[in-house]
């Protein structure tokens, strides 16, 4: 993902209203993020579906990592040897 270029990717809501189809086309082609302003202040962000999916996947990954770190900090861990033993019991075969 590329970084947000403030000078190029901020647009007043009035301009977005007047040129919605064109802006949607640009965003779909370039995967740019568009910050929509209202009364000179950021009011929303318009993303392509691809960029939205990438951000959602990153958020799921970060949440999973944070959960794993919290489990480790709380001592909710299982040793590798125990996992191997339990897998061998469940699926057959010898551990190791």
PDB file of N, CA and C in Angstrom:
ATOM      1  N   UNK A   1       0.841  -1.185   0.000  1.00  0.00           N
ATOM      2  CA  UNK A   1       0.000   0.000   0.000  1.00  0.00           C
ATOM      3  C   UNK A   1       0.884   1.246   0.000  1.00  0.00           C
ATOM      4  N   UNK A   2       0.464   2.217  -0.707  1.00  0.00           N
ATOM      5  CA  UNK A   2       1.264   3.449  -0.737  1.00  0.00           C
ATOM      6  C   UNK A   2       0.763   4.404   0.336  1.00  0.00           C
ATOM      7  N   UNK A   3       1.601   5.367   0.701  1.00  0.00           N
ATOM      8  CA  UNK A   3       1.226   6.304   1.751  1.00  0.00           C
ATOM      9  C   UNK A   3       0.273   7.370   1.213  1.00  0.00           C
ATOM     10  N   UNK A   4      -0.490   7.931   2.111  1.00  0.00           N
ATOM     11  CA  UNK A   4      -1.460   8.965   1.750  1.00  0.00           C
ATOM     12  C   UNK A   4      -0.727  10.258   1.396  1.00  0.00           C
ATOM     13  N   UNK A   5      -1.059  10.815   0.243  1.00  0.00           N
ATOM     14  CA  UNK A   5      -0.483  12.099  -0.156  1.00  0.00           C
ATOM     15  C   UNK A   5      -1.562  13.146   0.061  1.00  0.00           C
ATOM     16  N   UNK A   6      -1.407  13.896   1.126  1.00  0.00           N
ATOM     17  CA  UNK A   6      -2.434  14.838   1.554  1.00  0.00           C
ATOM     18  C   UNK A   6      -2.800  15.823   0.462  1.00  0.00           C
ATOM     19  N   UNK A   7      -1.829  16.355  -0.232  1.00  0.00           N
ATOM     20  CA  UNK A   7      -2.118  17.400  -1.219  1.00  0.00           C
ATOM     21  C   UNK A   7      -2.951  16.888  -2.386  1.00  0.00           C
ATOM     22  N   UNK A   8      -2.911  15.596  -2.676  1.00  0.00           N
ATOM     23  CA  UNK A   8      -3.602  15.065  -3.844  1.00  0.00           C
ATOM     24  C   UNK A   8      -4.873  14.313  -3.516  1.00  0.00           C
ATOM     25  N   UNK A   9      -5.079  13.867  -2.298  1.00  0.00           N
ATOM     26  CA  UNK A   9      -6.145  12.933  -2.027  1.00  0.00           C
ATOM     27  C   UNK A   9      -7.167  13.425  -1.005  1.00  0.00           C
ATOM     28  N   UNK A  10      -7.279  14.706  -0.856  1.00  0.00           N
ATOM     29  CA  UNK A  10      -8.342  15.313  -0.056  1.00  0.00           C
ATOM     30  C   UNK A  10      -9.302  15.981  -1.031  1.00  0.00           C
ATOM     31  N   UNK A  11     -10.597  15.827  -0.810  1.00  0.00           N
ATOM     32  CA  UNK A  11     -11.575  16.406  -1.720  1.00  0.00           C
ATOM     33  C   UNK A  11     -12.789  16.881  -0.923  1.00  0.00           C
ATOM     34  N   UNK A  12     -13.286  18.071  -1.212  1.00  0.00           N
ATOM     35  CA  UNK A  12     -14.505  18.530  -0.533  1.00  0.00           C
ATOM     36  C   UNK A  12     -15.697  17.667  -0.936  1.00  0.00           C
ATOM     37  N   UNK A  13     -16.607  17.472  -0.008  1.00  0.00           N
ATOM     38  CA  UNK A  13     -17.787  16.662  -0.275  1.00  0.00           C
ATOM     39  C   UNK A  13     -18.581  17.212  -1.462  1.00  0.00           C
ATOM     40  N   UNK A  14     -18.592  18.510  -1.639  1.00  0.00           N
ATOM     41  CA  UNK A  14     -19.327  19.095  -2.776  1.00  0.00           C
ATOM     42  C   UNK A  14     -18.728  18.642  -4.109  1.00  0.00           C
ATOM     43  N   UNK A  15     -17.401  18.562  -4.197  1.00  0.00           N
ATOM     44  CA  UNK A  15     -16.764  18.087  -5.426  1.00  0.00           C
ATOM     45  C   UNK A  15     -17.039  16.604  -5.635  1.00  0.00           C
ATOM     46  N   UNK A  16     -17.017  15.828  -4.549  1.00  0.00           N
ATOM     47  CA  UNK A  16     -17.321  14.408  -4.664  1.00  0.00           C
ATOM     48  C   UNK A  16     -18.752  14.214  -5.166  1.00  0.00           C
ATOM     49  N   UNK A  17     -19.683  14.985  -4.637  1.00  0.00           N
ATOM     50  CA  UNK A  17     -21.077  14.887  -5.088  1.00  0.00           C
ATOM     51  C   UNK A  17     -21.186  15.181  -6.585  1.00  0.00           C
ATOM     52  N   UNK A  18     -20.480  16.186  -7.037  1.00  0.00           N
ATOM     53  CA  UNK A  18     -20.570  16.606  -8.437  1.00  0.00           C
ATOM     54  C   UNK A  18     -19.876  15.628  -9.382  1.00  0.00           C
ATOM     55  N   UNK A  19     -18.875  14.886  -8.881  1.00  0.00           N
ATOM     56  CA  UNK A  19     -18.077  14.019  -9.757  1.00  0.00           C
ATOM     57  C   UNK A  19     -17.942  12.606  -9.191  1.00  0.00           C
ATOM     58  N   UNK A  20     -18.999  12.102  -8.585  1.00  0.00           N
ATOM     59  CA  UNK A  20     -18.932  10.802  -7.910  1.00  0.00           C
ATOM     60  C   UNK A  20     -18.471   9.690  -8.833  1.00  0.00           C
ATOM     61  N   UNK A  21     -19.070   9.558  -9.991  1.00  0.00           N
ATOM     62  CA  UNK A  21     -18.713   8.461 -10.905  1.00  0.00           C
ATOM     63  C   UNK A  21     -17.242   8.520 -11.288  1.00  0.00           C
ATOM     64  N   UNK A  22     -16.744   9.707 -11.580  1.00  0.00           N
ATOM     65  CA  UNK A  22     -15.332   9.860 -11.961  1.00  0.00           C
ATOM     66  C   UNK A  22     -14.402   9.478 -10.810  1.00  0.00           C
ATOM     67  N   UNK A  23     -14.710   9.928  -9.607  1.00  0.00           N
ATOM     68  CA  UNK A  23     -13.877   9.587  -8.445  1.00  0.00           C
ATOM     69  C   UNK A  23     -13.920   8.095  -8.146  1.00  0.00           C
ATOM     70  N   UNK A  24     -15.084   7.469  -8.264  1.00  0.00           N
ATOM     71  CA  UNK A  24     -15.177   6.028  -8.042  1.00  0.00           C
ATOM     72  C   UNK A  24     -14.348   5.267  -9.070  1.00  0.00           C
ATOM     73  N   UNK A  25     -14.367   5.720 -10.309  1.00  0.00           N
ATOM     74  CA  UNK A  25     -13.544   5.093 -11.355  1.00  0.00           C
ATOM     75  C   UNK A  25     -12.067   5.226 -11.031  1.00  0.00           C
ATOM     76  N   UNK A  26     -11.640   6.445 -10.655  1.00  0.00           N
ATOM     77  CA  UNK A  26     -10.229   6.681 -10.320  1.00  0.00           C
ATOM     78  C   UNK A  26      -9.773   5.802  -9.173  1.00  0.00           C
ATOM     79  N   UNK A  27     -10.603   5.713  -8.153  1.00  0.00           N
ATOM     80  CA  UNK A  27     -10.234   4.915  -6.977  1.00  0.00           C
ATOM     81  C   UNK A  27     -10.144   3.438  -7.342  1.00  0.00           C
ATOM     82  N   UNK A  28     -11.073   2.945  -8.148  1.00  0.00           N
ATOM     83  CA  UNK A  28     -11.050   1.543  -8.560  1.00  0.00           C
ATOM     84  C   UNK A  28      -9.804   1.216  -9.373  1.00  0.00           C
ATOM     85  N   UNK A  29      -9.384   2.143 -10.222  1.00  0.00           N
ATOM     86  CA  UNK A  29      -8.226   1.918 -11.097  1.00  0.00           C
ATOM     87  C   UNK A  29      -6.912   2.046 -10.332  1.00  0.00           C
ATOM     88  N   UNK A  30      -6.824   3.034  -9.449  1.00  0.00           N
ATOM     89  CA  UNK A  30      -5.551   3.337  -8.790  1.00  0.00           C
ATOM     90  C   UNK A  30      -5.415   2.767  -7.384  1.00  0.00           C
ATOM     91  N   UNK A  31      -6.527   2.293  -6.796  1.00  0.00           N
ATOM     92  CA  UNK A  31      -6.548   1.844  -5.400  1.00  0.00           C
ATOM     93  C   UNK A  31      -6.153   2.961  -4.439  1.00  0.00           C
ATOM     94  N   UNK A  32      -6.377   4.188  -4.840  1.00  0.00           N
ATOM     95  CA  UNK A  32      -6.092   5.335  -3.977  1.00  0.00           C
ATOM     96  C   UNK A  32      -7.111   5.404  -2.847  1.00  0.00           C
ATOM     97  N   UNK A  33      -6.760   6.088  -1.790  1.00  0.00           N
ATOM     98  CA  UNK A  33      -7.694   6.406  -0.719  1.00  0.00           C
ATOM     99  C   UNK A  33      -8.023   7.880  -0.839  1.00  0.00           C
ATOM    100  N   UNK A  34      -9.284   8.212  -0.663  1.00  0.00           N
ATOM    101  CA  UNK A  34      -9.725   9.580  -0.838  1.00  0.00           C
ATOM    102  C   UNK A  34     -10.340  10.072   0.468  1.00  0.00           C
ATOM    103  N   UNK A  35      -9.758  11.118   1.044  1.00  0.00           N
ATOM    104  CA  UNK A  35     -10.306  11.716   2.259  1.00  0.00           C
ATOM    105  C   UNK A  35     -11.296  12.792   1.828  1.00  0.00           C
ATOM    106  N   UNK A  36     -12.536  12.639   2.262  1.00  0.00           N
ATOM    107  CA  UNK A  36     -13.596  13.581   1.922  1.00  0.00           C
ATOM    108  C   UNK A  36     -13.720  14.584   3.068  1.00  0.00           C
ATOM    109  N   UNK A  37     -13.699  15.861   2.726  1.00  0.00           N
ATOM    110  CA  UNK A  37     -13.801  16.894   3.753  1.00  0.00           C
ATOM    111  C   UNK A  37     -15.173  17.557   3.709  1.00  0.00           C
ATOM    112  N   UNK A  38     -15.555  18.057   4.862  1.00  0.00           N
ATOM    113  CA  UNK A  38     -16.796  18.823   4.979  1.00  0.00           C
ATOM    114  C   UNK A  38     -16.482  20.007   5.870  1.00  0.00           C
ATOM    115  N   UNK A  39     -16.760  21.190   5.382  1.00  0.00           N
ATOM    116  CA  UNK A  39     -16.408  22.420   6.095  1.00  0.00           C
ATOM    117  C   UNK A  39     -14.916  22.473   6.411  1.00  0.00           C
ATOM    118  N   UNK A  40     -14.107  21.956   5.483  1.00  0.00           N
ATOM    119  CA  UNK A  40     -12.660  22.022   5.624  1.00  0.00           C
ATOM    120  C   UNK A  40     -12.045  20.996   6.558  1.00  0.00           C
ATOM    121  N   UNK A  41     -12.849  20.088   7.099  1.00  0.00           N
ATOM    122  CA  UNK A  41     -12.333  19.084   8.036  1.00  0.00           C
ATOM    123  C   UNK A  41     -12.609  17.687   7.490  1.00  0.00           C
ATOM    124  N   UNK A  42     -11.724  16.731   7.762  1.00  0.00           N
ATOM    125  CA  UNK A  42     -11.972  15.361   7.300  1.00  0.00           C
ATOM    126  C   UNK A  42     -13.303  14.840   7.838  1.00  0.00           C
ATOM    127  N   UNK A  43     -14.117  14.257   6.945  1.00  0.00           N
ATOM    128  CA  UNK A  43     -15.427  13.747   7.339  1.00  0.00           C
ATOM    129  C   UNK A  43     -15.584  12.264   7.016  1.00  0.00           C
ATOM    130  N   UNK A  44     -14.759  11.742   6.130  1.00  0.00           N
ATOM    131  CA  UNK A  44     -14.846  10.340   5.757  1.00  0.00           C
ATOM    132  C   UNK A  44     -13.735   9.964   4.807  1.00  0.00           C
ATOM    133  N   UNK A  45     -13.638   8.671   4.536  1.00  0.00           N
ATOM    134  CA  UNK A  45     -12.611   8.154   3.634  1.00  0.00           C
ATOM    135  C   UNK A  45     -13.276   7.205   2.652  1.00  0.00           C
ATOM    136  N   UNK A  46     -12.941   7.358   1.391  1.00  0.00           N
ATOM    137  CA  UNK A  46     -13.460   6.491   0.332  1.00  0.00           C
ATOM    138  C   UNK A  46     -12.319   5.584  -0.123  1.00  0.00           C
ATOM    139  N   UNK A  47     -12.584   4.265  -0.117  1.00  0.00           N
ATOM    140  CA  UNK A  47     -11.567   3.276  -0.471  1.00  0.00           C
ATOM    141  C   UNK A  47     -12.072   2.401  -1.602  1.00  0.00           C
ATOM    142  N   UNK A  48     -11.159   1.852  -2.377  1.00  0.00           N
ATOM    143  CA  UNK A  48     -11.548   0.840  -3.350  1.00  0.00           C
ATOM    144  C   UNK A  48     -11.858  -0.442  -2.578  1.00  0.00           C
ATOM    145  N   UNK A  49     -12.650  -1.320  -3.152  1.00  0.00           N
ATOM    146  CA  UNK A  49     -12.924  -2.592  -2.476  1.00  0.00           C
ATOM    147  C   UNK A  49     -11.644  -3.370  -2.162  1.00  0.00           C
ATOM    148  N   UNK A  50     -10.663  -3.335  -3.052  1.00  0.00           N
ATOM    149  CA  UNK A  50      -9.405  -4.050  -2.818  1.00  0.00           C
ATOM    150  C   UNK A  50      -8.674  -3.492  -1.610  1.00  0.00           C
ATOM    151  N   UNK A  51      -8.576  -2.183  -1.494  1.00  0.00           N
ATOM    152  CA  UNK A  51      -7.892  -1.572  -0.357  1.00  0.00           C
ATOM    153  C   UNK A  51      -8.655  -1.875   0.931  1.00  0.00           C
ATOM    154  N   UNK A  52      -9.988  -1.816   0.875  1.00  0.00           N
ATOM    155  CA  UNK A  52     -10.781  -2.145   2.055  1.00  0.00           C
ATOM    156  C   UNK A  52     -10.500  -3.579   2.508  1.00  0.00           C
ATOM    157  N   UNK A  53     -10.487  -4.530   1.565  1.00  0.00           N
ATOM    158  CA  UNK A  53     -10.211  -5.930   1.903  1.00  0.00           C
ATOM    159  C   UNK A  53      -8.826  -6.097   2.516  1.00  0.00           C
ATOM    160  N   UNK A  54      -7.827  -5.398   1.962  1.00  0.00           N
ATOM    161  CA  UNK A  54      -6.468  -5.476   2.509  1.00  0.00           C
ATOM    162  C   UNK A  54      -6.422  -4.948   3.946  1.00  0.00           C
ATOM    163  N   UNK A  55      -7.081  -3.832   4.192  1.00  0.00           N
ATOM    164  CA  UNK A  55      -7.109  -3.269   5.540  1.00  0.00           C
ATOM    165  C   UNK A  55      -7.843  -4.186   6.514  1.00  0.00           C
ATOM    166  N   UNK A  56      -8.939  -4.784   6.066  1.00  0.00           N
ATOM    167  CA  UNK A  56      -9.684  -5.701   6.927  1.00  0.00           C
ATOM    168  C   UNK A  56      -8.842  -6.928   7.263  1.00  0.00           C
ATOM    169  N   UNK A  57      -8.114  -7.464   6.292  1.00  0.00           N
ATOM    170  CA  UNK A  57      -7.242  -8.620   6.535  1.00  0.00           C
ATOM    171  C   UNK A  57      -6.123  -8.260   7.502  1.00  0.00           C
ATOM    172  N   UNK A  58      -5.530  -7.093   7.336  1.00  0.00           N
ATOM    173  CA  UNK A  58      -4.488  -6.648   8.271  1.00  0.00           C
ATOM    174  C   UNK A  58      -5.044  -6.511   9.682  1.00  0.00           C
ATOM    175  N   UNK A  59      -6.248  -5.992   9.804  1.00  0.00           N
ATOM    176  CA  UNK A  59      -6.867  -5.832  11.124  1.00  0.00           C
ATOM    177  C   UNK A  59      -7.108  -7.195  11.766  1.00  0.00           C
ATOM    178  N   UNK A  60      -7.587  -8.175  10.982  1.00  0.00           N
ATOM    179  CA  UNK A  60      -7.791  -9.531  11.521  1.00  0.00           C
ATOM    180  C   UNK A  60      -6.471 -10.133  11.984  1.00  0.00           C
ATOM    181  N   UNK A  61      -5.408  -9.930  11.207  1.00  0.00           N
ATOM    182  CA  UNK A  61      -4.089 -10.459  11.557  1.00  0.00           C
ATOM    183  C   UNK A  61      -3.580  -9.835  12.855  1.00  0.00           C
ATOM    184  N   UNK A  62      -3.670  -8.510  12.951  1.00  0.00           N
ATOM    185  CA  UNK A  62      -3.205  -7.813  14.157  1.00  0.00           C
ATOM    186  C   UNK A  62      -4.002  -8.269  15.376  1.00  0.00           C
ATOM    187  N   UNK A  63      -5.311  -8.443  15.220  1.00  0.00           N
ATOM    188  CA  UNK A  63      -6.149  -8.915  16.321  1.00  0.00           C
ATOM    189  C   UNK A  63      -5.723 -10.316  16.762  1.00  0.00           C
ATOM    190  N   UNK A  64      -5.443 -11.194  15.809  1.00  0.00           N
ATOM    191  CA  UNK A  64      -5.016 -12.550  16.132  1.00  0.00           C
ATOM    192  C   UNK A  64      -3.670 -12.546  16.850  1.00  0.00           C
ATOM    193  N   UNK A  65      -2.737 -11.744  16.384  1.00  0.00           N
ATOM    194  CA  UNK A  65      -1.427 -11.657  17.030  1.00  0.00           C
ATOM    195  C   UNK A  65      -1.571 -11.107  18.447  1.00  0.00           C
ATOM    196  N   UNK A  66      -2.375 -10.062  18.602  1.00  0.00           N
ATOM    197  CA  UNK A  66      -2.582  -9.490  19.941  1.00  0.00           C
ATOM    198  C   UNK A  66      -3.210 -10.524  20.872  1.00  0.00           C
ATOM    199  N   UNK A  67      -4.142 -11.306  20.369  1.00  0.00           N
ATOM    200  CA  UNK A  67      -4.747 -12.363  21.184  1.00  0.00           C
ATOM    201  C   UNK A  67      -3.727 -13.412  21.580  1.00  0.00           C
ATOM    202  N   UNK A  68      -2.875 -13.803  20.655  1.00  0.00           N
ATOM    203  CA  UNK A  68      -1.819 -14.773  20.961  1.00  0.00           C
ATOM    204  C   UNK A  68      -0.835 -14.248  21.986  1.00  0.00           C
ATOM    205  N   UNK A  69      -0.458 -12.982  21.856  1.00  0.00           N
ATOM    206  CA  UNK A  69       0.454 -12.382  22.841  1.00  0.00           C
ATOM    207  C   UNK A  69      -0.199 -12.296  24.215  1.00  0.00           C
ATOM    208  N   UNK A  70      -1.488 -11.968  24.247  1.00  0.00           N
ATOM    209  CA  UNK A  70      -2.205 -11.917  25.528  1.00  0.00           C
ATOM    210  C   UNK A  70      -2.266 -13.309  26.154  1.00  0.00           C
ATOM    211  N   UNK A  71      -2.506 -14.338  25.340  1.00  0.00           N
ATOM    212  CA  UNK A  71      -2.507 -15.700  25.857  1.00  0.00           C
ATOM    213  C   UNK A  71      -1.147 -16.071  26.429  1.00  0.00           C
ATOM    214  N   UNK A  72      -0.080 -15.732  25.706  1.00  0.00           N
ATOM    215  CA  UNK A  72       1.271 -16.035  26.190  1.00  0.00           C
ATOM    216  C   UNK A  72       1.561 -15.301  27.492  1.00  0.00           C
ATOM    217  N   UNK A  73       1.197 -14.030  27.561  1.00  0.00           N
ATOM    218  CA  UNK A  73       1.420 -13.248  28.785  1.00  0.00           C
ATOM    219  C   UNK A  73       0.647 -13.824  29.969  1.00  0.00           C
ATOM    220  N   UNK A  74      -0.531 -14.393  29.706  1.00  0.00           N
ATOM    221  CA  UNK A  74      -1.372 -14.947  30.776  1.00  0.00           C
ATOM    222  C   UNK A  74      -1.014 -16.399  31.091  1.00  0.00           C
ATOM    223  N   UNK A  75      -0.033 -16.934  30.384  1.00  0.00           N
ATOM    224  CA  UNK A  75       0.383 -18.307  30.646  1.00  0.00           C
ATOM    225  C   UNK A  75      -0.484 -19.355  29.978  1.00  0.00           C
ATOM    226  N   UNK A  76      -1.331 -18.946  29.069  1.00  0.00           N
ATOM    227  CA  UNK A  76      -2.198 -19.902  28.362  1.00  0.00           C
ATOM    228  C   UNK A  76      -1.450 -20.436  27.137  1.00  0.00           C
ATOM    229  N   UNK A  77      -0.440 -21.264  27.404  1.00  0.00           N
ATOM    230  CA  UNK A  77       0.392 -21.816  26.337  1.00  0.00           C
ATOM    231  C   UNK A  77       0.519 -23.322  26.534  1.00  0.00           C
ATOM    232  N   UNK A  78       0.880 -24.005  25.477  1.00  0.00           N
ATOM    233  CA  UNK A  78       1.112 -25.443  25.512  1.00  0.00           C
ATOM    234  C   UNK A  78       2.488 -25.693  24.915  1.00  0.00           C
ATOM    235  N   UNK A  79       3.247 -26.567  25.555  1.00  0.00           N
ATOM    236  CA  UNK A  79       4.589 -26.846  25.052  1.00  0.00           C
ATOM    237  C   UNK A  79       4.514 -27.589  23.725  1.00  0.00           C
ATOM    238  N   UNK A  80       5.570 -27.485  22.969  1.00  0.00           N
ATOM    239  CA  UNK A  80       5.645 -28.172  21.679  1.00  0.00           C
ATOM    240  C   UNK A  80       5.527 -29.678  21.878  1.00  0.00           C
ATOM    241  N   UNK A  81       6.220 -30.207  22.870  1.00  0.00           N
ATOM    242  CA  UNK A  81       6.193 -31.649  23.129  1.00  0.00           C
ATOM    243  C   UNK A  81       4.768 -32.117  23.434  1.00  0.00           C
ATOM    244  N   UNK A  82       4.021 -31.319  24.208  1.00  0.00           N
ATOM    245  CA  UNK A  82       2.648 -31.696  24.538  1.00  0.00           C
ATOM    246  C   UNK A  82       1.766 -31.677  23.294  1.00  0.00           C
ATOM    247  N   UNK A  83       1.958 -30.698  22.441  1.00  0.00           N
ATOM    248  CA  UNK A  83       1.177 -30.634  21.201  1.00  0.00           C
ATOM    249  C   UNK A  83       1.482 -31.855  20.334  1.00  0.00           C
ATOM    250  N   UNK A  84       2.744 -32.224  20.194  1.00  0.00           N
ATOM    251  CA  UNK A  84       3.126 -33.389  19.389  1.00  0.00           C
ATOM    252  C   UNK A  84       2.490 -34.646  19.972  1.00  0.00           C
ATOM    253  N   UNK A  85       2.548 -34.806  21.289  1.00  0.00           N
ATOM    254  CA  UNK A  85       1.966 -35.977  21.946  1.00  0.00           C
ATOM    255  C   UNK A  85       0.452 -36.039  21.704  1.00  0.00           C
ATOM    256  N   UNK A  86      -0.223 -34.902  21.877  1.00  0.00           N
ATOM    257  CA  UNK A  86      -1.675 -34.881  21.704  1.00  0.00           C
ATOM    258  C   UNK A  86      -2.075 -35.148  20.250  1.00  0.00           C
ATOM    259  N   UNK A  87      -1.306 -34.636  19.310  1.00  0.00           N
ATOM    260  CA  UNK A  87      -1.594 -34.882  17.886  1.00  0.00           C
ATOM    261  C   UNK A  87      -1.409 -36.367  17.564  1.00  0.00           C
ATOM    262  N   UNK A  88      -0.355 -36.989  18.124  1.00  0.00           N
ATOM    263  CA  UNK A  88      -0.113 -38.409  17.893  1.00  0.00           C
ATOM    264  C   UNK A  88      -1.253 -39.238  18.478  1.00  0.00           C
ATOM    265  N   UNK A  89      -1.733 -38.850  19.648  1.00  0.00           N
ATOM    266  CA  UNK A  89      -2.857 -39.567  20.261  1.00  0.00           C
ATOM    267  C   UNK A  89      -4.112 -39.435  19.405  1.00  0.00           C
ATOM    268  N   UNK A  90      -4.343 -38.252  18.905  1.00  0.00           N
ATOM    269  CA  UNK A  90      -5.584 -37.995  18.156  1.00  0.00           C
ATOM    270  C   UNK A  90      -5.553 -38.621  16.757  1.00  0.00           C
ATOM    271  N   UNK A  91      -4.418 -38.502  16.090  1.00  0.00           N
ATOM    272  CA  UNK A  91      -4.350 -38.919  14.684  1.00  0.00           C
ATOM    273  C   UNK A  91      -3.512 -40.174  14.450  1.00  0.00           C
ATOM    274  N   UNK A  92      -3.017 -40.748  15.497  1.00  0.00           N
ATOM    275  CA  UNK A  92      -2.218 -41.963  15.362  1.00  0.00           C
ATOM    276  C   UNK A  92      -0.779 -41.635  15.050  1.00  0.00           C
ATOM    277  N   UNK A  93       0.060 -42.636  15.127  1.00  0.00           N
ATOM    278  CA  UNK A  93       1.478 -42.438  14.862  1.00  0.00           C
ATOM    279  C   UNK A  93       2.223 -42.250  16.165  1.00  0.00           C
ATOM    280  N   UNK A  94       3.510 -42.210  16.058  1.00  0.00           N
ATOM    281  CA  UNK A  94       4.329 -42.052  17.261  1.00  0.00           C
ATOM    282  C   UNK A  94       4.812 -40.614  17.366  1.00  0.00           C
ATOM    283  N   UNK A  95       4.823 -40.055  18.571  1.00  0.00           N
ATOM    284  CA  UNK A  95       5.322 -38.683  18.728  1.00  0.00           C
ATOM    285  C   UNK A  95       6.815 -38.644  18.450  1.00  0.00           C
ATOM    286  N   UNK A  96       7.239 -37.494  17.934  1.00  0.00           N
ATOM    287  CA  UNK A  96       8.666 -37.281  17.765  1.00  0.00           C
ATOM    288  C   UNK A  96       9.014 -37.295  16.361  1.00  0.00           C
TER     289      UNK A  96
END
